[in-house]
């Protein structure tokens, strides 16, 4: 059945006046598209400002949303079956490493998507926003609508996992968020500083460090941990996500040339806000640690462990 369907698709291609796009996507995916307009839309960045036949803005963002969810579901299935003895936290961490924007952006570049995606002429500033990885997600969304979930899973398994990633070595790789944030600052010529602004003691009398990641004087993230290194990593991780998701924050950081005028009320508001954030983070941190203790205690309760 598959053989005859494949022959039919080739015959349809030979009689189609738009042979070149079909061949292009065949080389990329290993199959012929049924609705090629979906794949063309997946490669259309919103900065182009294109419109459809009804005059509505046309871009790949909706397909990107769909593809993002599908990739996450397929990767979850793959890591669940590959690491059969691992706990939920480990599986979540591996999935995050695979689906993070930088990983997908790198894979998209290796696949040749930058030569296919439609961008405006002056698009240099867009390259740092992982537009190629976003286009890869949109293409997965197009495959799902055109070919179904099974074909999506085959593509992700073959092109993303088997060809581009070593899932076992990835499991042993520790992401150094602090180094990545410092490298970002160096590439954009803005200073990145980590400051420990407070130390606390939790209910088990353990010392907890709170660190803020400052990017050109702006607070990008606040981290907490049992060591300065751990708190710096957490702060850097939050700051990197802020740079990825908040275009206004990036603009403020890159255009922040001098210290803003002194404002006593602003300083008070920032101090109060910082304390609230720190308090919330500490509560969450303690809850996580208490849950870990509960999991390890067997039949004993958390309160019994604390009393002992």
C-alpha atoms as a PDB file:
ATOM      1  CA  UNK A   1       0.000   0.000   0.000  1.00  0.00           C
ATOM      2  CA  UNK A   2       2.798   2.381   0.925  1.00  0.00           C
ATOM      3  CA  UNK A   3       4.586   1.599  -2.366  1.00  0.00           C
ATOM      4  CA  UNK A   4       1.539   2.525  -4.504  1.00  0.00           C
ATOM      5  CA  UNK A   5       0.908   5.675  -2.466  1.00  0.00           C
ATOM      6  CA  UNK A   6       4.519   6.743  -2.947  1.00  0.00           C
ATOM      7  CA  UNK A   7       4.254   6.153  -6.717  1.00  0.00           C
ATOM      8  CA  UNK A   8       1.023   8.164  -6.830  1.00  0.00           C
ATOM      9  CA  UNK A   9       2.698  11.076  -5.037  1.00  0.00           C
ATOM     10  CA  UNK A  10       5.544  11.043  -7.558  1.00  0.00           C
ATOM     11  CA  UNK A  11       3.105  11.044 -10.493  1.00  0.00           C
ATOM     12  CA  UNK A  12       1.229  13.954  -8.962  1.00  0.00           C
ATOM     13  CA  UNK A  13       4.520  15.805  -8.564  1.00  0.00           C
ATOM     14  CA  UNK A  14       5.459  15.302 -12.233  1.00  0.00           C
ATOM     15  CA  UNK A  15       2.147  16.811 -13.338  1.00  0.00           C
ATOM     16  CA  UNK A  16       2.395  19.764 -10.952  1.00  0.00           C
ATOM     17  CA  UNK A  17       3.709  23.027 -12.333  1.00  0.00           C
ATOM     18  CA  UNK A  18       5.333  23.839  -8.950  1.00  0.00           C
ATOM     19  CA  UNK A  19       7.771  20.944  -8.890  1.00  0.00           C
ATOM     20  CA  UNK A  20      10.677  22.727  -7.218  1.00  0.00           C
ATOM     21  CA  UNK A  21       9.014  23.462  -3.822  1.00  0.00           C
ATOM     22  CA  UNK A  22       7.752  19.869  -3.606  1.00  0.00           C
ATOM     23  CA  UNK A  23      11.241  18.507  -4.282  1.00  0.00           C
ATOM     24  CA  UNK A  24      12.716  20.913  -1.741  1.00  0.00           C
ATOM     25  CA  UNK A  25      10.420  19.700   1.042  1.00  0.00           C
ATOM     26  CA  UNK A  26      10.883  16.079  -0.035  1.00  0.00           C
ATOM     27  CA  UNK A  27      14.634  16.421   0.474  1.00  0.00           C
ATOM     28  CA  UNK A  28      14.045  18.041   3.864  1.00  0.00           C
ATOM     29  CA  UNK A  29      11.396  15.653   5.220  1.00  0.00           C
ATOM     30  CA  UNK A  30      11.637  12.495   3.112  1.00  0.00           C
ATOM     31  CA  UNK A  31       8.029  12.695   1.933  1.00  0.00           C
ATOM     32  CA  UNK A  32       5.958  14.801  -0.467  1.00  0.00           C
ATOM     33  CA  UNK A  33       3.623  17.411   1.072  1.00  0.00           C
ATOM     34  CA  UNK A  34      -0.096  17.202   0.390  1.00  0.00           C
ATOM     35  CA  UNK A  35      -0.821  20.824   1.299  1.00  0.00           C
ATOM     36  CA  UNK A  36       2.348  22.673   0.420  1.00  0.00           C
ATOM     37  CA  UNK A  37       0.865  26.010   1.472  1.00  0.00           C
ATOM     38  CA  UNK A  38       1.135  24.905   5.112  1.00  0.00           C
ATOM     39  CA  UNK A  39       4.908  24.460   4.800  1.00  0.00           C
ATOM     40  CA  UNK A  40       5.303  27.759   2.990  1.00  0.00           C
ATOM     41  CA  UNK A  41       3.382  29.479   5.790  1.00  0.00           C
ATOM     42  CA  UNK A  42       5.612  27.761   8.361  1.00  0.00           C
ATOM     43  CA  UNK A  43       8.601  29.525   6.797  1.00  0.00           C
ATOM     44  CA  UNK A  44       6.960  32.962   6.792  1.00  0.00           C
ATOM     45  CA  UNK A  45       8.208  35.185   9.615  1.00  0.00           C
ATOM     46  CA  UNK A  46       5.863  37.856  10.963  1.00  0.00           C
ATOM     47  CA  UNK A  47       8.413  40.607  10.299  1.00  0.00           C
ATOM     48  CA  UNK A  48       7.746  40.213   6.567  1.00  0.00           C
ATOM     49  CA  UNK A  49       4.270  41.671   7.096  1.00  0.00           C
ATOM     50  CA  UNK A  50       2.644  39.398   4.497  1.00  0.00           C
ATOM     51  CA  UNK A  51      -1.145  39.109   4.111  1.00  0.00           C
ATOM     52  CA  UNK A  52      -3.374  36.328   2.863  1.00  0.00           C
ATOM     53  CA  UNK A  53      -6.057  36.551   0.160  1.00  0.00           C
ATOM     54  CA  UNK A  54      -8.496  37.977   2.743  1.00  0.00           C
ATOM     55  CA  UNK A  55      -6.127  40.756   3.753  1.00  0.00           C
ATOM     56  CA  UNK A  56      -5.272  39.220   7.136  1.00  0.00           C
ATOM     57  CA  UNK A  57      -1.699  39.120   8.407  1.00  0.00           C
ATOM     58  CA  UNK A  58      -0.073  35.790   7.549  1.00  0.00           C
ATOM     59  CA  UNK A  59       2.870  34.344   9.510  1.00  0.00           C
ATOM     60  CA  UNK A  60       4.070  31.125  11.138  1.00  0.00           C
ATOM     61  CA  UNK A  61       3.218  31.919  14.768  1.00  0.00           C
ATOM     62  CA  UNK A  62       0.093  29.734  15.004  1.00  0.00           C
ATOM     63  CA  UNK A  63       1.921  26.794  13.430  1.00  0.00           C
ATOM     64  CA  UNK A  64       4.838  27.446  15.798  1.00  0.00           C
ATOM     65  CA  UNK A  65       2.456  27.204  18.761  1.00  0.00           C
ATOM     66  CA  UNK A  66       1.125  23.887  17.490  1.00  0.00           C
ATOM     67  CA  UNK A  67       4.558  22.474  16.666  1.00  0.00           C
ATOM     68  CA  UNK A  68       5.934  23.435  20.072  1.00  0.00           C
ATOM     69  CA  UNK A  69       3.245  21.361  21.805  1.00  0.00           C
ATOM     70  CA  UNK A  70       3.765  18.389  19.475  1.00  0.00           C
ATOM     71  CA  UNK A  71       7.565  18.393  19.881  1.00  0.00           C
ATOM     72  CA  UNK A  72       7.178  18.495  23.666  1.00  0.00           C
ATOM     73  CA  UNK A  73       4.731  15.564  23.605  1.00  0.00           C
ATOM     74  CA  UNK A  74       6.894  13.431  21.299  1.00  0.00           C
ATOM     75  CA  UNK A  75      10.109  14.172  23.205  1.00  0.00           C
ATOM     76  CA  UNK A  76       8.321  13.290  26.461  1.00  0.00           C
ATOM     77  CA  UNK A  77       7.339   9.924  24.965  1.00  0.00           C
ATOM     78  CA  UNK A  78      10.886   9.286  23.705  1.00  0.00           C
ATOM     79  CA  UNK A  79      12.697  10.093  26.970  1.00  0.00           C
ATOM     80  CA  UNK A  80      10.061   8.209  28.997  1.00  0.00           C
ATOM     81  CA  UNK A  81      10.714   5.015  27.038  1.00  0.00           C
ATOM     82  CA  UNK A  82      14.498   5.539  26.734  1.00  0.00           C
ATOM     83  CA  UNK A  83      15.180   6.174  30.443  1.00  0.00           C
ATOM     84  CA  UNK A  84      12.919   3.557  32.015  1.00  0.00           C
ATOM     85  CA  UNK A  85      14.498   3.674  35.469  1.00  0.00           C
ATOM     86  CA  UNK A  86      14.638   7.463  35.873  1.00  0.00           C
ATOM     87  CA  UNK A  87      12.352   9.642  37.977  1.00  0.00           C
ATOM     88  CA  UNK A  88      10.090  12.466  36.805  1.00  0.00           C
ATOM     89  CA  UNK A  89      12.566  15.229  37.674  1.00  0.00           C
ATOM     90  CA  UNK A  90      15.292  13.684  35.530  1.00  0.00           C
ATOM     91  CA  UNK A  91      12.924  13.214  32.582  1.00  0.00           C
ATOM     92  CA  UNK A  92      11.736  16.809  32.839  1.00  0.00           C
ATOM     93  CA  UNK A  93      15.322  18.051  32.812  1.00  0.00           C
ATOM     94  CA  UNK A  94      16.252  16.014  29.720  1.00  0.00           C
ATOM     95  CA  UNK A  95      13.179  17.155  27.848  1.00  0.00           C
ATOM     96  CA  UNK A  96      13.964  20.779  28.706  1.00  0.00           C
ATOM     97  CA  UNK A  97      17.493  20.415  27.324  1.00  0.00           C
ATOM     98  CA  UNK A  98      16.181  19.031  24.036  1.00  0.00           C
ATOM     99  CA  UNK A  99      13.306  21.451  23.426  1.00  0.00           C
ATOM    100  CA  UNK A 100      15.058  24.613  24.619  1.00  0.00           C
ATOM    101  CA  UNK A 101      15.215  27.342  21.986  1.00  0.00           C
ATOM    102  CA  UNK A 102      18.980  27.187  21.554  1.00  0.00           C
ATOM    103  CA  UNK A 103      18.931  23.457  20.814  1.00  0.00           C
ATOM    104  CA  UNK A 104      16.135  23.714  18.254  1.00  0.00           C
ATOM    105  CA  UNK A 105      17.761  26.759  16.679  1.00  0.00           C
ATOM    106  CA  UNK A 106      21.027  24.870  16.218  1.00  0.00           C
ATOM    107  CA  UNK A 107      19.240  21.854  14.727  1.00  0.00           C
ATOM    108  CA  UNK A 108      17.279  24.106  12.353  1.00  0.00           C
ATOM    109  CA  UNK A 109      20.505  25.708  11.124  1.00  0.00           C
ATOM    110  CA  UNK A 110      22.064  22.279  10.542  1.00  0.00           C
ATOM    111  CA  UNK A 111      18.987  21.272   8.525  1.00  0.00           C
ATOM    112  CA  UNK A 112      19.354  24.314   6.264  1.00  0.00           C
ATOM    113  CA  UNK A 113      16.208  26.152   7.363  1.00  0.00           C
ATOM    114  CA  UNK A 114      17.935  29.591   7.293  1.00  0.00           C
ATOM    115  CA  UNK A 115      18.128  29.323   3.500  1.00  0.00           C
ATOM    116  CA  UNK A 116      14.385  28.646   3.300  1.00  0.00           C
ATOM    117  CA  UNK A 117      12.755  30.971   5.804  1.00  0.00           C
ATOM    118  CA  UNK A 118      11.315  34.269   4.565  1.00  0.00           C
ATOM    119  CA  UNK A 119      12.760  37.235   6.443  1.00  0.00           C
ATOM    120  CA  UNK A 120      12.960  40.961   5.641  1.00  0.00           C
ATOM    121  CA  UNK A 121      16.126  42.260   4.025  1.00  0.00           C
ATOM    122  CA  UNK A 122      17.470  43.801   7.244  1.00  0.00           C
ATOM    123  CA  UNK A 123      17.047  40.830   9.530  1.00  0.00           C
ATOM    124  CA  UNK A 124      20.376  40.637  11.333  1.00  0.00           C
ATOM    125  CA  UNK A 125      18.791  41.601  14.639  1.00  0.00           C
ATOM    126  CA  UNK A 126      16.374  38.679  14.390  1.00  0.00           C
ATOM    127  CA  UNK A 127      19.011  35.960  14.325  1.00  0.00           C
ATOM    128  CA  UNK A 128      19.579  36.204  18.076  1.00  0.00           C
ATOM    129  CA  UNK A 129      15.904  35.471  18.756  1.00  0.00           C
ATOM    130  CA  UNK A 130      16.012  31.834  17.596  1.00  0.00           C
ATOM    131  CA  UNK A 131      13.766  32.485  14.580  1.00  0.00           C
ATOM    132  CA  UNK A 132      15.124  29.378  12.859  1.00  0.00           C
ATOM    133  CA  UNK A 133      14.193  27.142  15.784  1.00  0.00           C
ATOM    134  CA  UNK A 134      10.762  28.762  15.798  1.00  0.00           C
ATOM    135  CA  UNK A 135      10.437  27.968  12.084  1.00  0.00           C
ATOM    136  CA  UNK A 136      11.361  24.341  12.819  1.00  0.00           C
ATOM    137  CA  UNK A 137       8.536  24.192  15.353  1.00  0.00           C
ATOM    138  CA  UNK A 138       6.176  25.696  12.766  1.00  0.00           C
ATOM    139  CA  UNK A 139       7.233  23.076  10.214  1.00  0.00           C
ATOM    140  CA  UNK A 140       6.403  20.336  12.714  1.00  0.00           C
ATOM    141  CA  UNK A 141       2.985  21.946  13.109  1.00  0.00           C
ATOM    142  CA  UNK A 142       2.587  21.890   9.330  1.00  0.00           C
ATOM    143  CA  UNK A 143       3.571  18.208   9.179  1.00  0.00           C
ATOM    144  CA  UNK A 144       0.963  17.404  11.821  1.00  0.00           C
ATOM    145  CA  UNK A 145      -1.850  19.153   9.931  1.00  0.00           C
ATOM    146  CA  UNK A 146      -0.749  17.725   6.585  1.00  0.00           C
ATOM    147  CA  UNK A 147       0.413  14.193   7.461  1.00  0.00           C
ATOM    148  CA  UNK A 148      -0.777  13.396  10.982  1.00  0.00           C
ATOM    149  CA  UNK A 149       0.824  12.686  14.344  1.00  0.00           C
ATOM    150  CA  UNK A 150       2.565   9.469  13.264  1.00  0.00           C
ATOM    151  CA  UNK A 151       4.572  11.221  10.567  1.00  0.00           C
ATOM    152  CA  UNK A 152       5.444  13.975  13.053  1.00  0.00           C
ATOM    153  CA  UNK A 153       6.822  11.440  15.481  1.00  0.00           C
ATOM    154  CA  UNK A 154       8.925   9.795  12.769  1.00  0.00           C
ATOM    155  CA  UNK A 155      10.373  13.156  11.717  1.00  0.00           C
ATOM    156  CA  UNK A 156      11.219  14.225  15.275  1.00  0.00           C
ATOM    157  CA  UNK A 157      12.754  10.849  16.123  1.00  0.00           C
ATOM    158  CA  UNK A 158      14.833  10.706  12.947  1.00  0.00           C
ATOM    159  CA  UNK A 159      15.860  14.315  12.297  1.00  0.00           C
ATOM    160  CA  UNK A 160      15.984  15.810  15.786  1.00  0.00           C
ATOM    161  CA  UNK A 161      16.979  12.892  18.014  1.00  0.00           C
ATOM    162  CA  UNK A 162      18.839  10.340  15.868  1.00  0.00           C
ATOM    163  CA  UNK A 163      20.662  12.715  13.511  1.00  0.00           C
ATOM    164  CA  UNK A 164      21.233  15.802  15.650  1.00  0.00           C
ATOM    165  CA  UNK A 165      21.394  14.770  19.318  1.00  0.00           C
ATOM    166  CA  UNK A 166      23.058  12.148  21.482  1.00  0.00           C
ATOM    167  CA  UNK A 167      20.413  11.663  24.114  1.00  0.00           C
ATOM    168  CA  UNK A 168      22.709   9.731  26.466  1.00  0.00           C
ATOM    169  CA  UNK A 169      25.487  12.341  26.476  1.00  0.00           C
ATOM    170  CA  UNK A 170      22.856  15.055  26.799  1.00  0.00           C
ATOM    171  CA  UNK A 171      21.676  13.425  30.004  1.00  0.00           C
ATOM    172  CA  UNK A 172      25.145  13.944  31.521  1.00  0.00           C
ATOM    173  CA  UNK A 173      25.520  17.492  30.312  1.00  0.00           C
ATOM    174  CA  UNK A 174      25.076  20.255  32.874  1.00  0.00           C
ATOM    175  CA  UNK A 175      23.859  23.544  31.442  1.00  0.00           C
ATOM    176  CA  UNK A 176      26.027  26.412  32.707  1.00  0.00           C
ATOM    177  CA  UNK A 177      23.545  29.274  32.688  1.00  0.00           C
ATOM    178  CA  UNK A 178      25.997  31.683  34.296  1.00  0.00           C
ATOM    179  CA  UNK A 179      28.570  31.257  31.518  1.00  0.00           C
ATOM    180  CA  UNK A 180      25.888  31.583  28.859  1.00  0.00           C
ATOM    181  CA  UNK A 181      24.615  34.834  30.371  1.00  0.00           C
ATOM    182  CA  UNK A 182      28.127  36.264  30.639  1.00  0.00           C
ATOM    183  CA  UNK A 183      28.792  35.320  27.001  1.00  0.00           C
ATOM    184  CA  UNK A 184      25.576  37.066  25.990  1.00  0.00           C
ATOM    185  CA  UNK A 185      26.703  40.202  27.808  1.00  0.00           C
ATOM    186  CA  UNK A 186      30.119  40.107  26.150  1.00  0.00           C
ATOM    187  CA  UNK A 187      28.620  39.670  22.682  1.00  0.00           C
ATOM    188  CA  UNK A 188      26.302  42.668  23.254  1.00  0.00           C
ATOM    189  CA  UNK A 189      28.982  44.722  25.082  1.00  0.00           C
ATOM    190  CA  UNK A 190      26.994  45.083  28.301  1.00  0.00           C
ATOM    191  CA  UNK A 191      28.246  44.149  31.802  1.00  0.00           C
ATOM    192  CA  UNK A 192      26.830  41.119  33.619  1.00  0.00           C
ATOM    193  CA  UNK A 193      27.317  41.026  37.393  1.00  0.00           C
ATOM    194  CA  UNK A 194      26.162  38.593  40.077  1.00  0.00           C
ATOM    195  CA  UNK A 195      25.573  39.986  43.578  1.00  0.00           C
ATOM    196  CA  UNK A 196      24.705  38.062  46.725  1.00  0.00           C
ATOM    197  CA  UNK A 197      22.335  40.499  48.412  1.00  0.00           C
ATOM    198  CA  UNK A 198      21.102  38.396  51.317  1.00  0.00           C
ATOM    199  CA  UNK A 199      21.756  35.186  53.243  1.00  0.00           C
ATOM    200  CA  UNK A 200      19.028  33.426  55.205  1.00  0.00           C
ATOM    201  CA  UNK A 201      18.523  30.318  57.299  1.00  0.00           C
ATOM    202  CA  UNK A 202      15.723  27.888  56.526  1.00  0.00           C
ATOM    203  CA  UNK A 203      13.805  25.763  59.005  1.00  0.00           C
ATOM    204  CA  UNK A 204      16.611  23.203  59.089  1.00  0.00           C
ATOM    205  CA  UNK A 205      19.121  25.982  59.960  1.00  0.00           C
ATOM    206  CA  UNK A 206      20.787  25.627  56.568  1.00  0.00           C
ATOM    207  CA  UNK A 207      22.345  28.739  55.032  1.00  0.00           C
ATOM    208  CA  UNK A 208      20.505  29.954  51.921  1.00  0.00           C
ATOM    209  CA  UNK A 209      22.082  32.413  49.497  1.00  0.00           C
ATOM    210  CA  UNK A 210      20.085  34.884  47.423  1.00  0.00           C
ATOM    211  CA  UNK A 211      21.761  36.297  44.317  1.00  0.00           C
ATOM    212  CA  UNK A 212      20.623  38.763  41.696  1.00  0.00           C
ATOM    213  CA  UNK A 213      21.871  38.756  38.114  1.00  0.00           C
ATOM    214  CA  UNK A 214      22.435  42.328  36.950  1.00  0.00           C
ATOM    215  CA  UNK A 215      22.577  43.001  33.206  1.00  0.00           C
ATOM    216  CA  UNK A 216      23.803  46.520  32.550  1.00  0.00           C
ATOM    217  CA  UNK A 217      22.461  47.461  35.982  1.00  0.00           C
ATOM    218  CA  UNK A 218      19.027  45.912  35.418  1.00  0.00           C
ATOM    219  CA  UNK A 219      17.874  42.962  37.542  1.00  0.00           C
ATOM    220  CA  UNK A 220      17.385  40.053  35.175  1.00  0.00           C
ATOM    221  CA  UNK A 221      16.709  37.356  37.743  1.00  0.00           C
ATOM    222  CA  UNK A 222      16.926  36.444  41.427  1.00  0.00           C
ATOM    223  CA  UNK A 223      18.212  33.018  42.393  1.00  0.00           C
ATOM    224  CA  UNK A 224      18.367  31.035  45.597  1.00  0.00           C
ATOM    225  CA  UNK A 225      20.490  28.059  46.636  1.00  0.00           C
ATOM    226  CA  UNK A 226      22.555  26.330  49.316  1.00  0.00           C
ATOM    227  CA  UNK A 227      25.727  27.779  47.774  1.00  0.00           C
ATOM    228  CA  UNK A 228      26.642  30.966  45.973  1.00  0.00           C
ATOM    229  CA  UNK A 229      27.224  28.957  42.798  1.00  0.00           C
ATOM    230  CA  UNK A 230      23.782  27.368  42.928  1.00  0.00           C
ATOM    231  CA  UNK A 231      22.058  30.697  43.527  1.00  0.00           C
ATOM    232  CA  UNK A 232      24.026  32.297  40.672  1.00  0.00           C
ATOM    233  CA  UNK A 233      22.986  29.506  38.302  1.00  0.00           C
ATOM    234  CA  UNK A 234      19.344  29.976  39.243  1.00  0.00           C
ATOM    235  CA  UNK A 235      19.543  33.750  38.803  1.00  0.00           C
ATOM    236  CA  UNK A 236      21.253  33.354  35.428  1.00  0.00           C
ATOM    237  CA  UNK A 237      18.651  30.823  34.267  1.00  0.00           C
ATOM    238  CA  UNK A 238      15.807  33.234  35.089  1.00  0.00           C
ATOM    239  CA  UNK A 239      17.671  36.123  33.437  1.00  0.00           C
ATOM    240  CA  UNK A 240      18.220  34.132  30.226  1.00  0.00           C
ATOM    241  CA  UNK A 241      14.514  33.299  30.055  1.00  0.00           C
ATOM    242  CA  UNK A 242      13.720  36.985  30.567  1.00  0.00           C
ATOM    243  CA  UNK A 243      16.009  37.907  27.665  1.00  0.00           C
ATOM    244  CA  UNK A 244      14.341  35.274  25.477  1.00  0.00           C
ATOM    245  CA  UNK A 245      10.729  36.117  26.311  1.00  0.00           C
ATOM    246  CA  UNK A 246      10.718  39.849  27.090  1.00  0.00           C
ATOM    247  CA  UNK A 247      11.661  42.069  24.160  1.00  0.00           C
ATOM    248  CA  UNK A 248      11.067  45.210  26.243  1.00  0.00           C
ATOM    249  CA  UNK A 249      13.578  44.039  28.839  1.00  0.00           C
ATOM    250  CA  UNK A 250      16.184  43.412  26.118  1.00  0.00           C
ATOM    251  CA  UNK A 251      15.596  46.869  24.686  1.00  0.00           C
ATOM    252  CA  UNK A 252      15.891  48.451  28.133  1.00  0.00           C
ATOM    253  CA  UNK A 253      19.133  46.599  28.854  1.00  0.00           C
ATOM    254  CA  UNK A 254      20.777  47.442  25.538  1.00  0.00           C
ATOM    255  CA  UNK A 255      19.751  51.103  25.593  1.00  0.00           C
ATOM    256  CA  UNK A 256      20.424  51.703  29.291  1.00  0.00           C
ATOM    257  CA  UNK A 257      23.391  54.080  29.006  1.00  0.00           C
ATOM    258  CA  UNK A 258      23.397  55.861  32.324  1.00  0.00           C
ATOM    259  CA  UNK A 259      22.046  55.618  35.859  1.00  0.00           C
ATOM    260  CA  UNK A 260      18.437  56.874  35.992  1.00  0.00           C
ATOM    261  CA  UNK A 261      17.694  59.886  38.209  1.00  0.00           C
ATOM    262  CA  UNK A 262      17.566  59.188  41.931  1.00  0.00           C
ATOM    263  CA  UNK A 263      14.066  58.533  43.205  1.00  0.00           C
ATOM    264  CA  UNK A 264      13.546  57.673  46.885  1.00  0.00           C
ATOM    265  CA  UNK A 265      10.110  56.163  46.188  1.00  0.00           C
ATOM    266  CA  UNK A 266      11.520  54.055  43.361  1.00  0.00           C
ATOM    267  CA  UNK A 267      14.243  52.718  45.641  1.00  0.00           C
ATOM    268  CA  UNK A 268      11.678  51.895  48.347  1.00  0.00           C
ATOM    269  CA  UNK A 269       9.392  50.146  45.849  1.00  0.00           C
ATOM    270  CA  UNK A 270      12.286  48.120  44.454  1.00  0.00           C
ATOM    271  CA  UNK A 271      13.384  47.101  47.958  1.00  0.00           C
ATOM    272  CA  UNK A 272       9.859  46.009  48.938  1.00  0.00           C
ATOM    273  CA  UNK A 273       9.419  44.160  45.654  1.00  0.00           C
ATOM    274  CA  UNK A 274      12.770  42.421  46.068  1.00  0.00           C
ATOM    275  CA  UNK A 275      11.883  41.270  49.583  1.00  0.00           C
ATOM    276  CA  UNK A 276       8.554  39.862  48.404  1.00  0.00           C
ATOM    277  CA  UNK A 277      10.236  37.989  45.576  1.00  0.00           C
ATOM    278  CA  UNK A 278      12.896  36.632  47.915  1.00  0.00           C
ATOM    279  CA  UNK A 279      10.273  35.530  50.440  1.00  0.00           C
ATOM    280  CA  UNK A 280       8.241  33.717  47.765  1.00  0.00           C
ATOM    281  CA  UNK A 281      11.344  32.010  46.361  1.00  0.00           C
ATOM    282  CA  UNK A 282      12.441  30.895  49.829  1.00  0.00           C
ATOM    283  CA  UNK A 283       9.000  29.434  50.600  1.00  0.00           C
ATOM    284  CA  UNK A 284       9.005  27.524  47.333  1.00  0.00           C
ATOM    285  CA  UNK A 285      12.565  26.343  47.957  1.00  0.00           C
ATOM    286  CA  UNK A 286      11.681  25.078  51.433  1.00  0.00           C
ATOM    287  CA  UNK A 287       8.544  23.325  50.165  1.00  0.00           C
ATOM    288  CA  UNK A 288      10.628  21.510  47.547  1.00  0.00           C
ATOM    289  CA  UNK A 289      13.173  20.410  50.137  1.00  0.00           C
ATOM    290  CA  UNK A 290      10.447  19.253  52.521  1.00  0.00           C
ATOM    291  CA  UNK A 291       8.866  17.239  49.719  1.00  0.00           C
ATOM    292  CA  UNK A 292      12.246  15.593  49.015  1.00  0.00           C
ATOM    293  CA  UNK A 293      12.526  14.700  52.688  1.00  0.00           C
ATOM    294  CA  UNK A 294       9.017  13.270  52.618  1.00  0.00           C
ATOM    295  CA  UNK A 295       9.842  11.120  49.617  1.00  0.00           C
ATOM    296  CA  UNK A 296      12.955   9.750  51.309  1.00  0.00           C
ATOM    297  CA  UNK A 297      11.413   9.130  54.707  1.00  0.00           C
ATOM    298  CA  UNK A 298       9.378   6.000  53.948  1.00  0.00           C
ATOM    299  CA  UNK A 299       6.715   5.734  56.601  1.00  0.00           C
ATOM    300  CA  UNK A 300       7.990   8.609  58.740  1.00  0.00           C
ATOM    301  CA  UNK A 301       6.453  12.030  58.392  1.00  0.00           C
ATOM    302  CA  UNK A 302       8.141  15.316  57.644  1.00  0.00           C
ATOM    303  CA  UNK A 303       7.463  16.613  61.121  1.00  0.00           C
ATOM    304  CA  UNK A 304       9.160  13.541  62.643  1.00  0.00           C
ATOM    305  CA  UNK A 305      12.288  14.210  60.533  1.00  0.00           C
ATOM    306  CA  UNK A 306      12.404  17.833  61.619  1.00  0.00           C
ATOM    307  CA  UNK A 307      12.033  16.874  65.290  1.00  0.00           C
ATOM    308  CA  UNK A 308      14.864  14.359  64.958  1.00  0.00           C
END
